[in-house]
Amino acid sequence: MTMRSSDGRIRHWGRRIGWLVTICIGVAWIAPHARAADETDNQKGTAVTVIRATKACFADLVEVFGSVQPREEVSVRPDREGLKFTQVLVDAGDTVTAGQAIAKIGPADGGDITLSAPVAGIVSASTAVVGAPATAQQPPYRIVKNSEFDLVADAAARDILKLVVNQSAVIHIVGGGAVQGRVRTVPATIDQTSQLGQIQIAITTRQRMLINASGRAKITVGQSCGVAVPLSAILYGDDSTVVQVIRRERVETHRVDIGLMSGAEVEILTGVIDGDVVVAKAGALLREGDPVRPITPTDTAQNK
């Protein structure tokens, strides 16, 4: 009896040991595979939207603010005093030709004298009224010669150095939309206190202008072609400007020098080359060497 009981216990413990060995082997097999799966998931990293740096050309612009002024304004006045207006033929805002009759004046007993426009252009102001005195002391008419207007604006000294006559400009007039223009005059001196100089931009688009209307001009002073990335890809630090480039699905932080800007793009002078894959929206949480999962804007659109 004792022998049989002992054999039973031995067989019982043998079976338990066998199960334990099997479990340990299973755990030993699963653990490395689980770690490998976790490492694979970790290596995929954070999903980030990327875009390729491409070549583009940027316009170098100087922006100035000013007001619309007549280039040359001619006054019309009677030759002698003591006369009154007997007939008014044109009003402010009318366009006249050189030599055109604009009003008639005369003494109370008749004998009218015709006032004529000395130049062609647009009548910018008129105080002529039938029965009112026609006096040379207060010219009754002013005419903008040839209907030519300038945007007269102040420019900073650093910008004046970039300006030359005939550079093209786009002028946005308050209430008048966009018109074309060209730089007409560039100052040789600036104000000692303000460090500003007055420039004149000829408005070349022919349309009615309101004198003293405010305007903003963007003058093209040059062009630069190079590598472009979205402005959102730029990350500004305390002492550097960087772009996060993706290579082999890991983050590389490149210090860059930036140039001109146009809309939502910025020119990269150094640090990124054409074709580099960059993080479209630079994130301060991304660090050098971080694993990422690059996603293009096309991928994002298809997943919606």
Protein backbone atom coordinates (compact mmCIF):
# COMPACT_ATOMS: atom_id res chain seq x y z
CA MET A 1 0.00 0.00 0.00
CA THR A 2 2.76 2.31 0.86
CA MET A 3 4.47 1.68 -2.46
CA ARG A 4 1.34 2.28 -4.46
CA SER A 5 0.59 5.53 -2.62
CA SER A 6 4.11 6.69 -3.25
CA ASP A 7 3.87 5.84 -6.95
CA GLY A 8 0.59 7.77 -7.22
CA ARG A 9 2.09 10.85 -5.70
CA ILE A 10 5.07 10.60 -8.00
CA ARG A 11 2.83 10.32 -11.06
CA HIS A 12 0.68 13.23 -9.83
CA TRP A 13 3.68 15.51 -9.33
CA GLY A 14 5.08 14.41 -12.65
CA ARG A 15 1.95 15.53 -14.43
CA ARG A 16 2.03 18.91 -12.63
CA ILE A 17 5.67 19.44 -13.52
CA GLY A 18 4.86 18.60 -17.13
CA TRP A 19 2.15 21.25 -17.25
CA LEU A 20 4.43 23.82 -15.70
CA VAL A 21 7.12 23.10 -18.26
CA THR A 22 4.58 23.46 -21.07
CA ILE A 23 3.33 26.79 -19.70
CA CYS A 24 6.87 28.14 -19.29
CA ILE A 25 7.74 27.16 -22.85
CA GLY A 26 4.57 28.89 -24.09
CA VAL A 27 5.36 32.05 -22.14
CA ALA A 28 8.93 31.96 -23.38
CA TRP A 29 7.65 31.76 -26.98
CA ILE A 30 4.92 34.45 -26.64
CA ALA A 31 6.97 37.09 -24.79
CA PRO A 32 9.53 37.79 -27.53
CA HIS A 33 6.79 37.91 -30.16
CA ALA A 34 4.74 40.31 -28.02
CA ARG A 35 7.80 42.52 -27.51
CA ALA A 36 8.51 42.42 -31.25
CA ALA A 37 4.93 43.46 -32.01
CA ASP A 38 5.16 46.31 -29.49
CA GLU A 39 8.47 47.44 -30.98
CA THR A 40 6.96 47.35 -34.47
CA ASP A 41 4.02 49.47 -33.32
CA ASN A 42 6.39 51.92 -31.61
CA GLN A 43 8.58 52.19 -34.67
CA LYS A 44 5.59 53.34 -36.70
CA GLY A 45 5.55 56.47 -34.56
CA THR A 46 3.22 59.47 -34.71
CA ALA A 47 1.26 60.12 -37.88
CA VAL A 48 2.32 63.43 -39.42
CA THR A 49 1.22 65.21 -42.60
CA VAL A 50 4.15 65.80 -44.94
CA ILE A 51 4.73 67.67 -48.17
CA ARG A 52 7.61 67.85 -50.64
CA ALA A 53 9.72 70.97 -50.94
CA THR A 54 9.41 72.30 -54.49
CA LYS A 55 10.97 74.99 -56.63
CA ALA A 56 9.15 78.30 -56.93
CA CYS A 57 9.77 81.94 -57.78
CA PHE A 58 9.06 84.75 -55.33
CA ALA A 59 8.50 88.42 -56.10
CA ASP A 60 10.45 90.86 -53.96
CA LEU A 61 7.88 93.51 -53.04
CA VAL A 62 8.00 96.92 -51.39
CA GLU A 63 4.72 98.02 -49.86
CA VAL A 64 3.86 101.69 -49.32
CA PHE A 65 0.79 103.67 -48.26
CA GLY A 66 -0.29 107.06 -49.52
CA SER A 67 -3.04 109.06 -51.20
CA VAL A 68 -4.18 109.86 -54.74
CA GLN A 69 -3.06 113.30 -55.93
CA PRO A 70 -3.24 115.12 -59.30
CA ARG A 71 0.07 115.05 -61.11
CA GLU A 72 -0.52 118.60 -62.36
CA GLU A 73 -3.52 120.76 -61.62
CA VAL A 74 -4.28 123.90 -63.71
CA SER A 75 -6.44 126.75 -62.45
CA VAL A 76 -8.88 128.61 -64.72
CA ARG A 77 -9.66 132.25 -63.79
CA PRO A 78 -11.07 135.33 -65.53
CA ASP A 79 -8.78 138.01 -66.96
CA ARG A 80 -10.50 140.85 -65.07
CA GLU A 81 -12.72 141.43 -62.06
CA GLY A 82 -16.28 142.69 -61.77
CA LEU A 83 -17.90 140.02 -63.96
CA LYS A 84 -20.50 137.40 -63.12
CA PHE A 85 -21.26 133.96 -64.46
CA THR A 86 -24.00 134.05 -67.06
CA GLN A 87 -23.73 130.41 -68.16
CA VAL A 88 -22.07 127.31 -66.67
CA LEU A 89 -21.22 124.65 -69.27
CA VAL A 90 -19.25 122.03 -67.26
CA ASP A 91 -19.18 120.85 -63.67
CA ALA A 92 -16.70 119.11 -61.40
CA GLY A 93 -16.06 115.57 -62.60
CA ASP A 94 -16.54 116.38 -66.28
CA THR A 95 -13.78 115.66 -68.79
CA VAL A 96 -12.81 118.52 -71.11
CA THR A 97 -10.56 119.04 -74.12
CA ALA A 98 -8.05 121.83 -74.56
CA GLY A 99 -9.83 124.98 -75.77
CA GLN A 100 -13.31 123.72 -74.86
CA ALA A 101 -15.77 126.38 -73.58
CA ILE A 102 -16.50 125.73 -69.91
CA ALA A 103 -18.42 128.87 -68.85
CA LYS A 104 -19.54 132.37 -69.90
CA ILE A 105 -19.11 135.53 -67.84
CA GLY A 106 -19.99 139.15 -68.41
CA PRO A 107 -21.18 142.46 -67.00
CA ALA A 108 -24.80 143.07 -66.08
CA ASP A 109 -25.45 144.92 -69.35
CA GLY A 110 -24.37 141.95 -71.53
CA GLY A 111 -21.36 141.19 -73.70
CA ASP A 112 -20.43 137.70 -72.52
CA ILE A 113 -16.85 136.44 -72.39
CA THR A 114 -16.14 132.73 -72.82
CA LEU A 115 -13.91 130.90 -70.37
CA SER A 116 -12.08 128.01 -72.06
CA ALA A 117 -10.13 125.05 -70.73
CA PRO A 118 -6.41 125.71 -71.16
CA VAL A 119 -5.61 121.97 -71.07
CA ALA A 120 -7.39 118.67 -71.57
CA GLY A 121 -8.28 116.70 -68.46
CA ILE A 122 -10.83 116.19 -65.75
CA VAL A 123 -12.44 119.10 -63.88
CA SER A 124 -11.40 118.48 -60.29
CA ALA A 125 -13.22 121.43 -58.71
CA SER A 126 -15.71 124.13 -59.68
CA THR A 127 -17.37 126.98 -57.80
CA ALA A 128 -19.05 128.44 -60.91
CA VAL A 129 -22.73 129.32 -60.38
CA VAL A 130 -24.92 131.49 -62.63
CA GLY A 131 -25.14 134.97 -61.11
CA ALA A 132 -22.12 134.46 -58.82
CA PRO A 133 -19.05 136.71 -59.17
CA ALA A 134 -16.20 135.40 -61.32
CA THR A 135 -13.02 136.41 -59.53
CA ALA A 136 -9.37 135.64 -60.19
CA GLN A 137 -8.69 135.61 -56.45
CA GLN A 138 -10.68 132.39 -56.15
CA PRO A 139 -10.26 130.42 -59.39
CA PRO A 140 -13.66 129.00 -60.31
CA TYR A 141 -12.22 125.93 -62.05
CA ARG A 142 -9.35 123.51 -61.51
CA ILE A 143 -8.47 120.90 -64.12
CA VAL A 144 -6.26 117.85 -63.67
CA LYS A 145 -4.05 118.01 -66.74
CA ASN A 146 -4.49 114.97 -68.99
CA SER A 147 -6.42 113.29 -66.15
CA GLU A 148 -3.12 112.03 -64.74
CA PHE A 149 -2.90 110.98 -61.09
CA ASP A 150 -0.14 109.72 -58.82
CA LEU A 151 -0.15 107.81 -55.59
CA VAL A 152 2.05 109.96 -53.36
CA ALA A 153 3.47 107.84 -50.57
CA ASP A 154 6.15 107.77 -47.89
CA ALA A 155 8.72 104.99 -48.07
CA ALA A 156 11.28 103.84 -45.53
CA ALA A 157 14.95 104.46 -46.29
CA ARG A 158 15.74 100.73 -46.64
CA ASP A 159 12.96 100.40 -49.24
CA ILE A 160 13.90 103.53 -51.18
CA LEU A 161 17.30 101.96 -51.89
CA LYS A 162 15.49 99.17 -53.79
CA LEU A 163 13.36 101.51 -55.90
CA VAL A 164 14.06 102.74 -59.41
CA VAL A 165 11.93 104.60 -61.93
CA ASN A 166 9.52 102.49 -64.02
CA GLN A 167 9.22 99.57 -61.60
CA SER A 168 5.70 98.15 -61.87
CA ALA A 169 3.19 98.38 -59.05
CA VAL A 170 -0.31 97.25 -58.17
CA ILE A 171 -2.25 99.92 -56.32
CA HIS A 172 -5.33 99.22 -54.24
CA ILE A 173 -7.44 102.37 -53.93
CA VAL A 174 -9.97 102.59 -51.12
CA GLY A 175 -13.35 102.44 -52.82
CA GLY A 176 -11.76 102.18 -56.27
CA GLY A 177 -10.37 98.66 -56.50
CA ALA A 178 -6.98 97.69 -57.94
CA VAL A 179 -5.20 99.71 -60.63
CA GLN A 180 -1.83 99.42 -62.33
CA GLY A 181 1.02 101.84 -61.76
CA ARG A 182 4.71 102.56 -62.26
CA VAL A 183 7.26 104.30 -60.06
CA ARG A 184 7.64 107.84 -61.41
CA THR A 185 9.98 109.53 -58.94
CA VAL A 186 12.40 108.29 -56.28
CA PRO A 187 13.83 110.76 -53.73
CA ALA A 188 17.54 111.38 -53.30
CA THR A 189 17.08 112.47 -49.68
CA ILE A 190 14.89 111.49 -46.74
CA ASP A 191 13.49 113.31 -43.75
CA GLN A 192 16.10 113.42 -41.00
CA THR A 193 13.57 112.84 -38.22
CA SER A 194 11.22 110.24 -39.70
CA GLN A 195 13.76 108.57 -42.01
CA LEU A 196 11.07 108.50 -44.69
CA GLY A 197 11.15 109.76 -48.26
CA GLN A 198 8.29 110.67 -50.59
CA ILE A 199 7.83 108.69 -53.78
CA GLN A 200 5.35 109.17 -56.62
CA ILE A 201 3.75 106.25 -58.41
CA ALA A 202 2.03 107.06 -61.69
CA ILE A 203 -1.42 105.48 -61.96
CA THR A 204 -1.47 104.07 -65.49
CA THR A 205 -4.99 102.65 -65.45
CA ARG A 206 -7.40 105.18 -66.94
CA GLN A 207 -10.41 105.56 -64.70
CA ARG A 208 -11.96 108.23 -62.55
CA MET A 209 -9.98 108.91 -59.39
CA LEU A 210 -11.00 110.61 -56.18
CA ILE A 211 -8.39 113.11 -55.05
CA ASN A 212 -7.06 112.36 -51.55
CA ALA A 213 -8.37 108.76 -51.64
CA SER A 214 -6.13 106.44 -49.64
CA GLY A 215 -4.17 103.75 -51.43
CA ARG A 216 -1.70 100.92 -50.85
CA ALA A 217 0.87 100.02 -53.48
CA LYS A 218 2.91 96.85 -53.85
CA ILE A 219 5.96 97.56 -55.99
CA THR A 220 7.85 94.69 -57.61
CA VAL A 221 11.56 95.38 -57.08
CA GLY A 222 12.95 91.98 -57.99
CA GLN A 223 12.45 88.22 -58.15
CA SER A 224 14.10 85.22 -56.55
CA CYS A 225 13.65 81.56 -57.51
CA GLY A 226 14.49 78.75 -55.12
CA VAL A 227 13.07 76.04 -52.85
CA ALA A 228 9.65 76.68 -51.31
CA VAL A 229 7.91 75.14 -48.30
CA PRO A 230 4.66 76.06 -46.55
CA LEU A 231 5.00 78.82 -43.99
CA SER A 232 3.47 76.38 -41.49
CA ALA A 233 6.52 74.12 -41.91
CA ILE A 234 8.79 76.71 -40.30
CA LEU A 235 9.57 76.32 -36.62
CA TYR A 236 11.08 79.34 -34.91
CA GLY A 237 13.43 78.86 -31.99
CA ASP A 238 15.24 81.26 -29.69
CA ASP A 239 18.30 81.50 -31.92
CA SER A 240 17.44 79.54 -35.05
CA THR A 241 14.82 78.73 -37.64
CA VAL A 242 14.29 75.06 -38.47
CA VAL A 243 12.35 72.75 -40.77
CA GLN A 244 11.61 69.15 -39.80
CA VAL A 245 12.65 66.82 -42.63
CA ILE A 246 11.56 63.17 -42.76
CA ARG A 247 14.13 60.58 -43.86
CA ARG A 248 13.64 56.82 -43.42
CA GLU A 249 10.49 57.62 -41.43
CA ARG A 250 12.42 59.51 -38.78
CA VAL A 251 12.62 63.20 -37.95
CA GLU A 252 15.68 65.25 -38.91
CA THR A 253 15.84 68.84 -37.70
CA HIS A 254 17.42 71.13 -40.31
CA ARG A 255 18.44 74.69 -39.55
CA VAL A 256 17.41 76.89 -42.46
CA ASP A 257 17.82 80.41 -43.78
CA ILE A 258 14.61 81.87 -45.17
CA GLY A 259 14.19 84.40 -47.95
CA LEU A 260 11.10 85.94 -49.50
CA MET A 261 7.51 85.10 -48.67
CA SER A 262 4.48 84.90 -50.93
CA GLY A 263 1.06 83.98 -49.62
CA ALA A 264 1.37 80.82 -47.55
CA GLU A 265 4.82 79.86 -48.87
CA VAL A 266 8.34 80.86 -47.88
CA GLU A 267 11.62 80.65 -49.77
CA ILE A 268 14.32 78.44 -48.24
CA LEU A 269 17.85 79.63 -49.01
CA THR A 270 19.78 76.89 -47.20
CA GLY A 271 19.01 73.73 -45.22
CA VAL A 272 16.38 72.11 -47.46
CA ILE A 273 16.66 70.99 -51.07
CA ASP A 274 14.12 70.41 -53.81
CA GLY A 275 12.27 67.13 -53.20
CA ASP A 276 12.90 66.90 -49.45
CA VAL A 277 9.91 65.56 -47.50
CA VAL A 278 9.08 68.02 -44.72
CA VAL A 279 6.52 68.12 -41.94
CA ALA A 280 3.73 70.33 -43.31
CA LYS A 281 2.86 71.70 -39.88
CA ALA A 282 5.99 71.79 -37.77
CA GLY A 283 5.41 70.51 -34.26
CA ALA A 284 7.43 71.43 -31.19
CA LEU A 285 6.72 67.94 -29.77
CA LEU A 286 8.68 66.23 -32.55
CA ARG A 287 12.33 65.67 -31.74
CA GLU A 288 15.41 64.63 -33.70
CA GLY A 289 15.26 60.91 -34.46
CA ASP A 290 11.59 60.43 -33.52
CA PRO A 291 9.88 57.70 -35.59
CA VAL A 292 6.86 58.95 -37.58
CA ARG A 293 4.29 57.71 -40.05
CA PRO A 294 4.32 60.18 -42.98
CA ILE A 295 0.89 60.98 -44.44
CA THR A 296 0.43 63.11 -47.55
CA PRO A 297 -2.49 65.53 -47.97
CA THR A 298 -3.79 63.15 -50.67
CA ASP A 299 -3.85 60.28 -48.16
CA THR A 300 -5.73 62.45 -45.68
CA ALA A 301 -8.32 63.43 -48.31
CA GLN A 302 -8.87 59.78 -49.36
CA ASN A 303 -9.43 58.68 -45.76
CA LYS A 304 -12.23 61.17 -45.23
